[in-house]
PDB file of N, CA and C in Angstrom:
ATOM      1  N   MET A   1       0.672  -1.118  -0.025  1.00  0.00           N
ATOM      2  CA  MET A   1       0.008  -0.032   0.015  1.00  0.00           C
ATOM      3  C   MET A   1       1.060   1.410   0.000  1.00  0.00           C
ATOM      4  N   GLU A   2       1.894   1.238   0.809  1.00  0.00           N
ATOM      5  CA  GLU A   2       2.621   2.768   0.842  1.00  0.00           C
ATOM      6  C   GLU A   2       3.475   2.808  -0.588  1.00  0.00           C
ATOM      7  N   LEU A   3       4.095   1.411  -1.035  1.00  0.00           N
ATOM      8  CA  LEU A   3       4.533   1.537  -2.396  1.00  0.00           C
ATOM      9  C   LEU A   3       3.521   2.063  -3.619  1.00  0.00           C
ATOM     10  N   ILE A   4       2.358   2.222  -3.333  1.00  0.00           N
ATOM     11  CA  ILE A   4       1.124   2.586  -4.459  1.00  0.00           C
ATOM     12  C   ILE A   4       1.240   3.779  -4.198  1.00  0.00           C
ATOM     13  N   LYS A   5       1.113   4.100  -2.334  1.00  0.00           N
ATOM     14  CA  LYS A   5       0.903   5.730  -2.467  1.00  0.00           C
ATOM     15  C   LYS A   5       1.889   6.636  -2.360  1.00  0.00           C
ATOM     16  N   ALA A   6       3.552   6.246  -2.467  1.00  0.00           N
ATOM     17  CA  ALA A   6       4.714   6.789  -3.155  1.00  0.00           C
ATOM     18  C   ALA A   6       4.723   6.904  -4.690  1.00  0.00           C
ATOM     19  N   LYS A   7       4.185   5.970  -4.949  1.00  0.00           N
ATOM     20  CA  LYS A   7       4.005   6.226  -6.902  1.00  0.00           C
ATOM     21  C   LYS A   7       3.123   7.267  -7.195  1.00  0.00           C
ATOM     22  N   VAL A   8       2.045   7.600  -6.212  1.00  0.00           N
ATOM     23  CA  VAL A   8       0.992   8.450  -6.832  1.00  0.00           C
ATOM     24  C   VAL A   8       1.491   9.645  -6.422  1.00  0.00           C
ATOM     25  N   ILE A   9       2.019   9.783  -5.418  1.00  0.00           N
ATOM     26  CA  ILE A   9       2.543  11.064  -5.081  1.00  0.00           C
ATOM     27  C   ILE A   9       3.706  11.686  -5.853  1.00  0.00           C
ATOM     28  N   LYS A  10       4.696  10.726  -6.404  1.00  0.00           N
ATOM     29  CA  LYS A  10       5.745  10.769  -7.315  1.00  0.00           C
ATOM     30  C   LYS A  10       4.700  11.328  -8.750  1.00  0.00           C
ATOM     31  N   GLU A  11       4.343  11.019  -9.217  1.00  0.00           N
ATOM     32  CA  GLU A  11       3.127  11.052 -10.324  1.00  0.00           C
ATOM     33  C   GLU A  11       3.062  12.784 -10.406  1.00  0.00           C
ATOM     34  N   LYS A  12       2.068  13.081  -9.108  1.00  0.00           N
ATOM     35  CA  LYS A  12       1.188  14.081  -8.849  1.00  0.00           C
ATOM     36  C   LYS A  12       2.444  15.399  -9.253  1.00  0.00           C
ATOM     37  N   LEU A  13       3.748  15.159  -7.886  1.00  0.00           N
ATOM     38  CA  LEU A  13       5.025  16.206  -8.617  1.00  0.00           C
ATOM     39  C   LEU A  13       5.424  15.824  -9.438  1.00  0.00           C
ATOM     40  N   THR A  14       5.936  15.388 -10.435  1.00  0.00           N
ATOM     41  CA  THR A  14       6.672  15.069 -11.643  1.00  0.00           C
ATOM     42  C   THR A  14       5.397  15.607 -12.969  1.00  0.00           C
ATOM     43  N   GLY A  15       4.432  15.573 -12.690  1.00  0.00           N
ATOM     44  CA  GLY A  15       3.089  15.620 -13.981  1.00  0.00           C
ATOM     45  C   GLY A  15       3.375  14.470 -14.683  1.00  0.00           C
ATOM     46  N   TRP A  16       4.154  13.672 -14.665  1.00  0.00           N
ATOM     47  CA  TRP A  16       4.050  12.433 -15.352  1.00  0.00           C
ATOM     48  C   TRP A  16       3.524  11.084 -15.081  1.00  0.00           C
ATOM     49  N   SER A  17       3.035  10.124 -15.666  1.00  0.00           N
ATOM     50  CA  SER A  17       3.058   8.702 -15.376  1.00  0.00           C
ATOM     51  C   SER A  17       3.636   8.186 -16.230  1.00  0.00           C
ATOM     52  N   GLU A  18       4.411   6.866 -15.899  1.00  0.00           N
ATOM     53  CA  GLU A  18       4.557   6.004 -16.485  1.00  0.00           C
ATOM     54  C   GLU A  18       4.850   5.790 -17.954  1.00  0.00           C
ATOM     55  N   ALA A  19       3.050   5.375 -18.385  1.00  0.00           N
ATOM     56  CA  ALA A  19       2.319   5.666 -19.467  1.00  0.00           C
ATOM     57  C   ALA A  19       2.613   6.649 -20.771  1.00  0.00           C
ATOM     58  N   LYS A  20       2.545   7.737 -19.805  1.00  0.00           N
ATOM     59  CA  LYS A  20       3.359   9.199 -20.917  1.00  0.00           C
ATOM     60  C   LYS A  20       4.623   9.728 -20.766  1.00  0.00           C
ATOM     61  N   ILE A  21       5.336   8.605 -20.230  1.00  0.00           N
ATOM     62  CA  ILE A  21       6.840   9.262 -20.167  1.00  0.00           C
ATOM     63  C   ILE A  21       7.249   9.290 -21.359  1.00  0.00           C
ATOM     64  N   GLY A  22       7.841  10.626 -22.058  1.00  0.00           N
ATOM     65  CA  GLY A  22       8.682  10.752 -23.299  1.00  0.00           C
ATOM     66  C   GLY A  22       7.731  12.187 -24.055  1.00  0.00           C
ATOM     67  N   LEU A  23       8.935  12.501 -25.158  1.00  0.00           N
ATOM     68  CA  LEU A  23       7.696  13.540 -25.998  1.00  0.00           C
ATOM     69  C   LEU A  23       6.774  12.734 -26.923  1.00  0.00           C
ATOM     70  N   ARG A  24       5.992  13.912 -26.835  1.00  0.00           N
ATOM     71  CA  ARG A  24       4.739  13.202 -27.777  1.00  0.00           C
ATOM     72  C   ARG A  24       3.930  13.937 -28.818  1.00  0.00           C
ATOM     73  N   ILE A  25       4.456  15.394 -28.707  1.00  0.00           N
ATOM     74  CA  ILE A  25       3.504  16.589 -29.177  1.00  0.00           C
ATOM     75  C   ILE A  25       5.168  17.125 -30.669  1.00  0.00           C
ATOM     76  N   VAL A  26       4.807  16.496 -31.763  1.00  0.00           N
ATOM     77  CA  VAL A  26       5.534  16.917 -33.291  1.00  0.00           C
ATOM     78  C   VAL A  26       4.802  17.881 -33.814  1.00  0.00           C
ATOM     79  N   ILE A  27       5.864  19.099 -33.892  1.00  0.00           N
ATOM     80  CA  ILE A  27       5.622  20.117 -35.038  1.00  0.00           C
ATOM     81  C   ILE A  27       5.728  19.939 -36.554  1.00  0.00           C
ATOM     82  N   PHE A  28       4.980  20.032 -37.091  1.00  0.00           N
ATOM     83  CA  PHE A  28       5.039  20.135 -38.863  1.00  0.00           C
ATOM     84  C   PHE A  28       4.950  21.272 -39.705  1.00  0.00           C
ATOM     85  N   LEU A  29       5.995  21.126 -40.398  1.00  0.00           N
ATOM     86  CA  LEU A  29       6.015  22.800 -41.265  1.00  0.00           C
ATOM     87  C   LEU A  29       5.693  22.165 -42.846  1.00  0.00           C
ATOM     88  N   ASN A  30       5.288  23.242 -43.442  1.00  0.00           N
ATOM     89  CA  ASN A  30       5.271  23.053 -44.740  1.00  0.00           C
ATOM     90  C   ASN A  30       3.788  22.078 -45.100  1.00  0.00           C
ATOM     91  N   VAL A  31       2.621  21.979 -44.742  1.00  0.00           N
ATOM     92  CA  VAL A  31       1.604  21.165 -44.535  1.00  0.00           C
ATOM     93  C   VAL A  31       0.781  22.067 -45.626  1.00  0.00           C
ATOM     94  N   PHE A  32       0.820  23.136 -45.476  1.00  0.00           N
ATOM     95  CA  PHE A  32      -0.482  23.865 -46.240  1.00  0.00           C
ATOM     96  C   PHE A  32       0.056  25.491 -46.227  1.00  0.00           C
ATOM     97  N   THR A  33      -0.703  26.113 -47.277  1.00  0.00           N
ATOM     98  CA  THR A  33      -0.307  27.593 -47.448  1.00  0.00           C
ATOM     99  C   THR A  33      -1.332  28.087 -46.787  1.00  0.00           C
ATOM    100  N   VAL A  34      -1.255  29.359 -46.240  1.00  0.00           N
ATOM    101  CA  VAL A  34      -2.231  30.061 -46.046  1.00  0.00           C
ATOM    102  C   VAL A  34      -3.583  30.293 -46.940  1.00  0.00           C
ATOM    103  N   GLU A  35      -3.569  30.329 -47.928  1.00  0.00           N
ATOM    104  CA  GLU A  35      -4.593  30.080 -49.040  1.00  0.00           C
ATOM    105  C   GLU A  35      -5.207  28.611 -48.986  1.00  0.00           C
ATOM    106  N   THR A  36      -4.387  27.942 -48.615  1.00  0.00           N
ATOM    107  CA  THR A  36      -5.341  26.606 -48.933  1.00  0.00           C
ATOM    108  C   THR A  36      -5.387  25.559 -47.951  1.00  0.00           C
ATOM    109  N   PHE A  37      -5.469  26.584 -46.428  1.00  0.00           N
ATOM    110  CA  PHE A  37      -6.074  25.918 -45.322  1.00  0.00           C
ATOM    111  C   PHE A  37      -7.392  25.717 -45.407  1.00  0.00           C
ATOM    112  N   THR A  38      -7.749  24.787 -44.934  1.00  0.00           N
ATOM    113  CA  THR A  38      -9.277  24.325 -44.442  1.00  0.00           C
ATOM    114  C   THR A  38      -9.145  23.298 -43.210  1.00  0.00           C
ATOM    115  N   ASP A  39     -10.337  23.196 -42.478  1.00  0.00           N
ATOM    116  CA  ASP A  39     -10.154  22.031 -41.812  1.00  0.00           C
ATOM    117  C   ASP A  39      -9.947  20.554 -42.188  1.00  0.00           C
ATOM    118  N   LYS A  40     -10.680  20.764 -43.572  1.00  0.00           N
ATOM    119  CA  LYS A  40     -10.793  19.314 -44.471  1.00  0.00           C
ATOM    120  C   LYS A  40      -9.043  19.012 -44.342  1.00  0.00           C
ATOM    121  N   VAL A  41      -8.586  19.553 -44.623  1.00  0.00           N
ATOM    122  CA  VAL A  41      -6.818  19.418 -44.971  1.00  0.00           C
ATOM    123  C   VAL A  41      -6.179  19.209 -43.612  1.00  0.00           C
ATOM    124  N   ILE A  42      -6.561  19.868 -42.814  1.00  0.00           N
ATOM    125  CA  ILE A  42      -6.133  19.275 -41.372  1.00  0.00           C
ATOM    126  C   ILE A  42      -6.725  17.713 -41.284  1.00  0.00           C
ATOM    127  N   SER A  43      -7.689  17.686 -41.229  1.00  0.00           N
ATOM    128  CA  SER A  43      -8.197  16.093 -40.734  1.00  0.00           C
ATOM    129  C   SER A  43      -8.029  15.141 -41.518  1.00  0.00           C
ATOM    130  N   GLU A  44      -7.571  15.521 -42.984  1.00  0.00           N
ATOM    131  CA  GLU A  44      -6.868  14.348 -43.934  1.00  0.00           C
ATOM    132  C   GLU A  44      -5.494  14.233 -43.523  1.00  0.00           C
ATOM    133  N   PHE A  45      -4.715  15.268 -43.113  1.00  0.00           N
ATOM    134  CA  PHE A  45      -3.349  14.966 -42.427  1.00  0.00           C
ATOM    135  C   PHE A  45      -3.489  14.057 -41.324  1.00  0.00           C
ATOM    136  N   LYS A  46      -4.264  14.524 -40.805  1.00  0.00           N
ATOM    137  CA  LYS A  46      -4.796  13.818 -39.373  1.00  0.00           C
ATOM    138  C   LYS A  46      -4.672  11.885 -39.751  1.00  0.00           C
ATOM    139  N   GLU A  47      -5.600  11.756 -40.370  1.00  0.00           N
ATOM    140  CA  GLU A  47      -5.946  10.520 -40.967  1.00  0.00           C
ATOM    141  C   GLU A  47      -4.928   9.962 -41.763  1.00  0.00           C
ATOM    142  N   TYR A  48      -4.020  10.850 -42.442  1.00  0.00           N
ATOM    143  CA  TYR A  48      -2.522  10.069 -43.006  1.00  0.00           C
ATOM    144  C   TYR A  48      -1.613   9.780 -41.956  1.00  0.00           C
ATOM    145  N   LEU A  49      -1.440  10.599 -40.764  1.00  0.00           N
ATOM    146  CA  LEU A  49      -0.417  10.199 -39.674  1.00  0.00           C
ATOM    147  C   LEU A  49      -1.192   8.832 -39.043  1.00  0.00           C
ATOM    148  N   GLU A  50      -2.284   8.745 -38.971  1.00  0.00           N
ATOM    149  CA  GLU A  50      -3.092   7.398 -37.928  1.00  0.00           C
ATOM    150  C   GLU A  50      -2.642   6.409 -39.053  1.00  0.00           C
ATOM    151  N   GLU A  51      -3.117   6.417 -40.530  1.00  0.00           N
ATOM    152  CA  GLU A  51      -2.832   5.506 -41.503  1.00  0.00           C
ATOM    153  C   GLU A  51      -0.837   4.997 -41.126  1.00  0.00           C
ATOM    154  N   ASN A  52      -0.291   5.975 -41.291  1.00  0.00           N
ATOM    155  CA  ASN A  52       1.222   5.732 -41.293  1.00  0.00           C
ATOM    156  C   ASN A  52       1.982   5.653 -39.996  1.00  0.00           C
ATOM    157  N   ILE A  53       1.402   6.348 -38.937  1.00  0.00           N
ATOM    158  CA  ILE A  53       2.479   6.382 -37.974  1.00  0.00           C
ATOM    159  C   ILE A  53       1.597   5.875 -36.720  1.00  0.00           C
ATOM    160  N   GLY A  54       0.595   6.329 -36.386  1.00  0.00           N
ATOM    161  CA  GLY A  54      -0.095   5.952 -35.251  1.00  0.00           C
ATOM    162  C   GLY A  54      -1.462   6.935 -34.517  1.00  0.00           C
ATOM    163  N   GLU A  55      -1.890   6.530 -33.462  1.00  0.00           N
ATOM    164  CA  GLU A  55      -3.000   7.303 -33.402  1.00  0.00           C
ATOM    165  C   GLU A  55      -2.885   8.756 -32.390  1.00  0.00           C
ATOM    166  N   VAL A  56      -3.343   9.516 -33.178  1.00  0.00           N
ATOM    167  CA  VAL A  56      -3.329  11.006 -33.056  1.00  0.00           C
ATOM    168  C   VAL A  56      -4.029  11.387 -31.784  1.00  0.00           C
ATOM    169  N   GLU A  57      -3.545  11.713 -30.697  1.00  0.00           N
ATOM    170  CA  GLU A  57      -4.746  12.096 -29.501  1.00  0.00           C
ATOM    171  C   GLU A  57      -5.374  13.596 -30.152  1.00  0.00           C
ATOM    172  N   ARG A  58      -4.572  14.445 -30.336  1.00  0.00           N
ATOM    173  CA  ARG A  58      -5.217  16.043 -31.042  1.00  0.00           C
ATOM    174  C   ARG A  58      -4.041  16.458 -32.054  1.00  0.00           C
ATOM    175  N   ILE A  59      -4.864  17.224 -32.822  1.00  0.00           N
ATOM    176  CA  ILE A  59      -4.252  17.648 -33.786  1.00  0.00           C
ATOM    177  C   ILE A  59      -4.576  19.497 -34.137  1.00  0.00           C
ATOM    178  N   ARG A  60      -3.460  20.260 -34.275  1.00  0.00           N
ATOM    179  CA  ARG A  60      -4.009  22.003 -34.622  1.00  0.00           C
ATOM    180  C   ARG A  60      -3.304  22.400 -35.670  1.00  0.00           C
ATOM    181  N   GLY A  61      -3.772  22.941 -36.322  1.00  0.00           N
ATOM    182  CA  GLY A  61      -3.678  23.640 -37.851  1.00  0.00           C
ATOM    183  C   GLY A  61      -3.305  25.202 -37.018  1.00  0.00           C
ATOM    184  N   TYR A  62      -2.090  25.759 -37.684  1.00  0.00           N
ATOM    185  CA  TYR A  62      -2.191  27.419 -37.372  1.00  0.00           C
ATOM    186  C   TYR A  62      -2.510  28.215 -38.810  1.00  0.00           C
ATOM    187  N   LYS A  63      -3.749  28.476 -38.909  1.00  0.00           N
ATOM    188  CA  LYS A  63      -4.144  28.827 -40.003  1.00  0.00           C
ATOM    189  C   LYS A  63      -3.067  30.089 -40.607  1.00  0.00           C
ATOM    190  N   PHE A  64      -2.778  31.190 -39.747  1.00  0.00           N
ATOM    191  CA  PHE A  64      -2.176  32.186 -39.997  1.00  0.00           C
ATOM    192  C   PHE A  64      -0.948  32.209 -40.202  1.00  0.00           C
ATOM    193  N   ASN A  65      -0.013  31.283 -39.798  1.00  0.00           N
ATOM    194  CA  ASN A  65       1.070  30.965 -40.270  1.00  0.00           C
ATOM    195  C   ASN A  65       1.871  30.602 -41.270  1.00  0.00           C
ATOM    196  N   PRO A  66       2.495  31.688 -41.732  1.00  0.00           N
ATOM    197  CA  PRO A  66       2.835  31.718 -43.321  1.00  0.00           C
ATOM    198  C   PRO A  66       3.733  29.923 -43.431  1.00  0.00           C
ATOM    199  N   ASP A  67       4.064  29.236 -42.591  1.00  0.00           N
ATOM    200  CA  ASP A  67       5.099  27.893 -42.380  1.00  0.00           C
ATOM    201  C   ASP A  67       4.602  27.169 -42.661  1.00  0.00           C
ATOM    202  N   GLY A  68       2.936  27.376 -42.641  1.00  0.00           N
ATOM    203  CA  GLY A  68       2.540  25.802 -42.813  1.00  0.00           C
ATOM    204  C   GLY A  68       2.135  25.254 -41.603  1.00  0.00           C
ATOM    205  N   VAL A  69       2.168  25.480 -40.203  1.00  0.00           N
ATOM    206  CA  VAL A  69       2.724  25.032 -39.176  1.00  0.00           C
ATOM    207  C   VAL A  69       1.043  23.654 -38.838  1.00  0.00           C
ATOM    208  N   VAL A  70       1.036  22.517 -38.690  1.00  0.00           N
ATOM    209  CA  VAL A  70       0.659  21.966 -37.976  1.00  0.00           C
ATOM    210  C   VAL A  70       1.194  21.102 -36.599  1.00  0.00           C
ATOM    211  N   GLU A  71       0.311  21.133 -35.429  1.00  0.00           N
ATOM    212  CA  GLU A  71       0.868  20.517 -34.331  1.00  0.00           C
ATOM    213  C   GLU A  71       0.096  19.100 -34.075  1.00  0.00           C
ATOM    214  N   ALA A  72       0.689  17.896 -34.019  1.00  0.00           N
ATOM    215  CA  ALA A  72       0.003  16.848 -33.440  1.00  0.00           C
ATOM    216  C   ALA A  72       0.538  16.119 -32.412  1.00  0.00           C
ATOM    217  N   LYS A  73      -0.041  15.652 -31.608  1.00  0.00           N
ATOM    218  CA  LYS A  73       0.273  15.277 -30.221  1.00  0.00           C
ATOM    219  C   LYS A  73      -0.148  13.388 -30.076  1.00  0.00           C
ATOM    220  N   PHE A  74       0.546  12.736 -30.233  1.00  0.00           N
ATOM    221  CA  PHE A  74       0.647  11.264 -30.533  1.00  0.00           C
ATOM    222  C   PHE A  74      -0.057  10.722 -29.072  1.00  0.00           C
ATOM    223  N   LYS A  75      -0.620   9.936 -29.423  1.00  0.00           N
ATOM    224  CA  LYS A  75      -0.839   8.877 -28.003  1.00  0.00           C
ATOM    225  C   LYS A  75       0.225   8.225 -27.127  1.00  0.00           C
ATOM    226  N   LYS A  76       1.284   7.494 -28.117  1.00  0.00           N
ATOM    227  CA  LYS A  76       2.472   7.042 -27.341  1.00  0.00           C
ATOM    228  C   LYS A  76       3.708   7.867 -27.654  1.00  0.00           C
ATOM    229  N   PRO A  77       4.950   7.815 -26.825  1.00  0.00           N
ATOM    230  CA  PRO A  77       6.145   8.445 -27.554  1.00  0.00           C
ATOM    231  C   PRO A  77       6.675   7.804 -28.628  1.00  0.00           C
ATOM    232  N   GLY A  78       6.423   6.908 -28.499  1.00  0.00           N
ATOM    233  CA  GLY A  78       7.276   5.975 -29.776  1.00  0.00           C
ATOM    234  C   GLY A  78       6.516   6.282 -30.846  1.00  0.00           C
ATOM    235  N   GLU A  79       5.565   6.381 -31.064  1.00  0.00           N
ATOM    236  CA  GLU A  79       4.872   7.213 -32.406  1.00  0.00           C
ATOM    237  C   GLU A  79       5.427   8.399 -32.851  1.00  0.00           C
ATOM    238  N   ALA A  80       5.457   9.259 -31.660  1.00  0.00           N
ATOM    239  CA  ALA A  80       5.964  10.342 -32.176  1.00  0.00           C
ATOM    240  C   ALA A  80       7.662  10.330 -32.426  1.00  0.00           C
ATOM    241  N   GLU A  81       8.628   9.745 -31.895  1.00  0.00           N
ATOM    242  CA  GLU A  81       9.986   9.449 -32.599  1.00  0.00           C
ATOM    243  C   GLU A  81       9.832   8.857 -33.807  1.00  0.00           C
ATOM    244  N   THR A  82       9.068   7.682 -33.956  1.00  0.00           N
ATOM    245  CA  THR A  82       8.767   7.116 -34.982  1.00  0.00           C
ATOM    246  C   THR A  82       8.289   8.436 -36.387  1.00  0.00           C
ATOM    247  N   CYS A  83       7.164   8.758 -36.006  1.00  0.00           N
ATOM    248  CA  CYS A  83       7.048   9.930 -36.946  1.00  0.00           C
ATOM    249  C   CYS A  83       8.068  10.753 -37.392  1.00  0.00           C
ATOM    250  N   ILE A  84       8.737  11.627 -36.186  1.00  0.00           N
ATOM    251  CA  ILE A  84       9.975  12.572 -36.922  1.00  0.00           C
ATOM    252  C   ILE A  84      11.566  11.460 -37.584  1.00  0.00           C
ATOM    253  N   GLN A  85      11.207  10.368 -37.346  1.00  0.00           N
ATOM    254  CA  GLN A  85      12.489   9.947 -38.174  1.00  0.00           C
ATOM    255  C   GLN A  85      11.749   9.260 -39.745  1.00  0.00           C
ATOM    256  N   GLU A  86      10.514   8.987 -40.000  1.00  0.00           N
ATOM    257  CA  GLU A  86      10.021   8.619 -41.078  1.00  0.00           C
ATOM    258  C   GLU A  86       9.641   9.392 -42.072  1.00  0.00           C
ATOM    259  N   MET A  87       8.740  10.523 -41.007  1.00  0.00           N
ATOM    260  CA  MET A  87       8.012  11.774 -41.984  1.00  0.00           C
ATOM    261  C   MET A  87       9.382  12.971 -42.352  1.00  0.00           C
ATOM    262  N   ASN A  88      10.432  13.453 -41.944  1.00  0.00           N
ATOM    263  CA  ASN A  88      10.994  14.535 -41.552  1.00  0.00           C
ATOM    264  C   ASN A  88      11.643  14.296 -43.309  1.00  0.00           C
ATOM    265  N   GLU A  89      11.163  15.667 -43.812  1.00  0.00           N
ATOM    266  CA  GLU A  89      11.749  15.574 -45.563  1.00  0.00           C
ATOM    267  C   GLU A  89      11.156  14.764 -46.632  1.00  0.00           C
ATOM    268  N   VAL A  90       9.790  14.159 -45.994  1.00  0.00           N
ATOM    269  CA  VAL A  90       9.131  13.541 -46.968  1.00  0.00           C
ATOM    270  C   VAL A  90       8.293  14.298 -47.473  1.00  0.00           C
ATOM    271  N   GLU A  91       7.665  14.052 -49.116  1.00  0.00           N
ATOM    272  CA  GLU A  91       6.949  14.845 -49.654  1.00  0.00           C
ATOM    273  C   GLU A  91       5.478  14.572 -49.416  1.00  0.00           C
ATOM    274  N   TYR A  92       4.318  15.643 -49.189  1.00  0.00           N
ATOM    275  CA  TYR A  92       3.133  15.371 -48.540  1.00  0.00           C
ATOM    276  C   TYR A  92       2.682  16.214 -49.791  1.00  0.00           C
ATOM    277  N   ASN A  93       1.469  15.788 -50.353  1.00  0.00           N
ATOM    278  CA  ASN A  93       0.597  17.153 -51.350  1.00  0.00           C
ATOM    279  C   ASN A  93       1.265  18.023 -51.854  1.00  0.00           C
ATOM    280  N   ALA A  94       2.864  17.430 -52.295  1.00  0.00           N
ATOM    281  CA  ALA A  94       3.511  18.543 -53.570  1.00  0.00           C
ATOM    282  C   ALA A  94       4.434  19.176 -52.681  1.00  0.00           C
ATOM    283  N   ARG A  95       4.503  18.793 -51.322  1.00  0.00           N
ATOM    284  CA  ARG A  95       5.363  20.121 -50.304  1.00  0.00           C
ATOM    285  C   ARG A  95       6.651  18.900 -49.750  1.00  0.00           C
ATOM    286  N   VAL A  96       7.147  19.349 -49.223  1.00  0.00           N
ATOM    287  CA  VAL A  96       8.585  18.464 -48.497  1.00  0.00           C
ATOM    288  C   VAL A  96       7.995  19.258 -46.783  1.00  0.00           C
ATOM    289  N   LEU A  97       7.946  17.971 -46.076  1.00  0.00           N
ATOM    290  CA  LEU A  97       7.788  18.174 -44.712  1.00  0.00           C
ATOM    291  C   LEU A  97       8.915  18.164 -43.913  1.00  0.00           C
ATOM    292  N   LYS A  98       9.148  19.270 -42.745  1.00  0.00           N
ATOM    293  CA  LYS A  98       9.792  19.398 -42.157  1.00  0.00           C
ATOM    294  C   LYS A  98       8.895  19.058 -40.674  1.00  0.00           C
ATOM    295  N   CYS A  99       9.795  18.038 -39.757  1.00  0.00           N
ATOM    296  CA  CYS A  99       9.377  17.831 -38.733  1.00  0.00           C
ATOM    297  C   CYS A  99      10.314  17.477 -37.355  1.00  0.00           C
ATOM    298  N   PHE A 100       9.449  17.833 -36.435  1.00  0.00           N
ATOM    299  CA  PHE A 100      10.417  18.097 -34.827  1.00  0.00           C
ATOM    300  C   PHE A 100       9.743  18.170 -33.593  1.00  0.00           C
ATOM    301  N   TYR A 101      10.277  17.938 -32.497  1.00  0.00           N
ATOM    302  CA  TYR A 101       9.406  17.970 -31.284  1.00  0.00           C
ATOM    303  C   TYR A 101       9.148  19.254 -30.671  1.00  0.00           C
ATOM    304  N   TRP A 102       8.388  19.433 -30.508  1.00  0.00           N
ATOM    305  CA  TRP A 102       8.130  20.823 -29.920  1.00  0.00           C
ATOM    306  C   TRP A 102       8.643  21.145 -28.787  1.00  0.00           C
ATOM    307  N   ASP A 103       9.176  22.261 -28.636  1.00  0.00           N
ATOM    308  CA  ASP A 103       9.921  22.804 -27.479  1.00  0.00           C
ATOM    309  C   ASP A 103       9.594  22.756 -26.047  1.00  0.00           C
ATOM    310  N   GLY A 104       7.995  23.480 -26.788  1.00  0.00           N
ATOM    311  CA  GLY A 104       7.112  23.472 -24.871  1.00  0.00           C
ATOM    312  C   GLY A 104       7.186  24.770 -25.027  1.00  0.00           C
ATOM    313  N   ARG A 105       7.930  25.958 -25.821  1.00  0.00           N
ATOM    314  CA  ARG A 105       8.028  27.377 -25.762  1.00  0.00           C
ATOM    315  C   ARG A 105       6.942  28.018 -26.843  1.00  0.00           C
ATOM    316  N   GLN A 106       7.656  27.773 -27.913  1.00  0.00           N
ATOM    317  CA  GLN A 106       7.081  28.123 -29.042  1.00  0.00           C
ATOM    318  C   GLN A 106       6.055  28.514 -29.236  1.00  0.00           C
ATOM    319  N   ASP A 107       5.186  29.991 -29.782  1.00  0.00           N
ATOM    320  CA  ASP A 107       3.563  29.861 -29.809  1.00  0.00           C
ATOM    321  C   ASP A 107       3.451  29.888 -31.512  1.00  0.00           C
ATOM    322  N   TYR A 108       3.197  29.119 -32.076  1.00  0.00           N
ATOM    323  CA  TYR A 108       2.691  29.183 -33.343  1.00  0.00           C
ATOM    324  C   TYR A 108       2.189  29.739 -34.228  1.00  0.00           C
ATOM    325  N   ARG A 109       0.938  30.355 -33.046  1.00  0.00           N
ATOM    326  CA  ARG A 109      -0.065  31.042 -33.459  1.00  0.00           C
ATOM    327  C   ARG A 109       0.161  32.548 -33.344  1.00  0.00           C
ATOM    328  N   ARG A 110       1.269  32.994 -32.936  1.00  0.00           N
ATOM    329  CA  ARG A 110       2.165  34.383 -33.275  1.00  0.00           C
ATOM    330  C   ARG A 110       2.946  34.414 -34.699  1.00  0.00           C
ATOM    331  N   VAL A 111       2.865  35.318 -35.089  1.00  0.00           N
ATOM    332  CA  VAL A 111       3.739  35.738 -36.497  1.00  0.00           C
ATOM    333  C   VAL A 111       4.694  36.631 -36.196  1.00  0.00           C
ATOM    334  N   THR A 112       5.711  36.509 -36.284  1.00  0.00           N
ATOM    335  CA  THR A 112       6.603  37.677 -36.160  1.00  0.00           C
ATOM    336  C   THR A 112       7.061  38.599 -37.714  1.00  0.00           C
ATOM    337  N   GLU A 113       6.971  39.316 -37.669  1.00  0.00           N
ATOM    338  CA  GLU A 113       7.182  40.136 -39.123  1.00  0.00           C
ATOM    339  C   GLU A 113       8.799  40.716 -38.814  1.00  0.00           C
ATOM    340  N   ILE A 114       9.739  40.171 -39.859  1.00  0.00           N
ATOM    341  CA  ILE A 114      11.307  41.024 -39.829  1.00  0.00           C
ATOM    342  C   ILE A 114      11.069  42.263 -40.741  1.00  0.00           C
TER     343      ILE A 114
END
């Protein structure tokens, strides 16, 4: 009983359960252009990921970001890792994707003009 209590306390303090240890959010660049963005484009991309990589827990497309940014949160960390290994520099809808783990800081809703 004490072992279970200690494990629960550890999970609350660290914010991680053993099932979710690892990075699960992947950022994709160049999925769409601002002109071609629709909800359908995002849902088709989600289906594509689920067919080729694994279960996507959440997906977001940042409509006004000129880099065509999509954020996908995978159910399992291993799926996110596989995604980055297999999808980086892959052609999708005549566009070359770039993908990497989200750094936890970058806000893709905000666009900086230089």
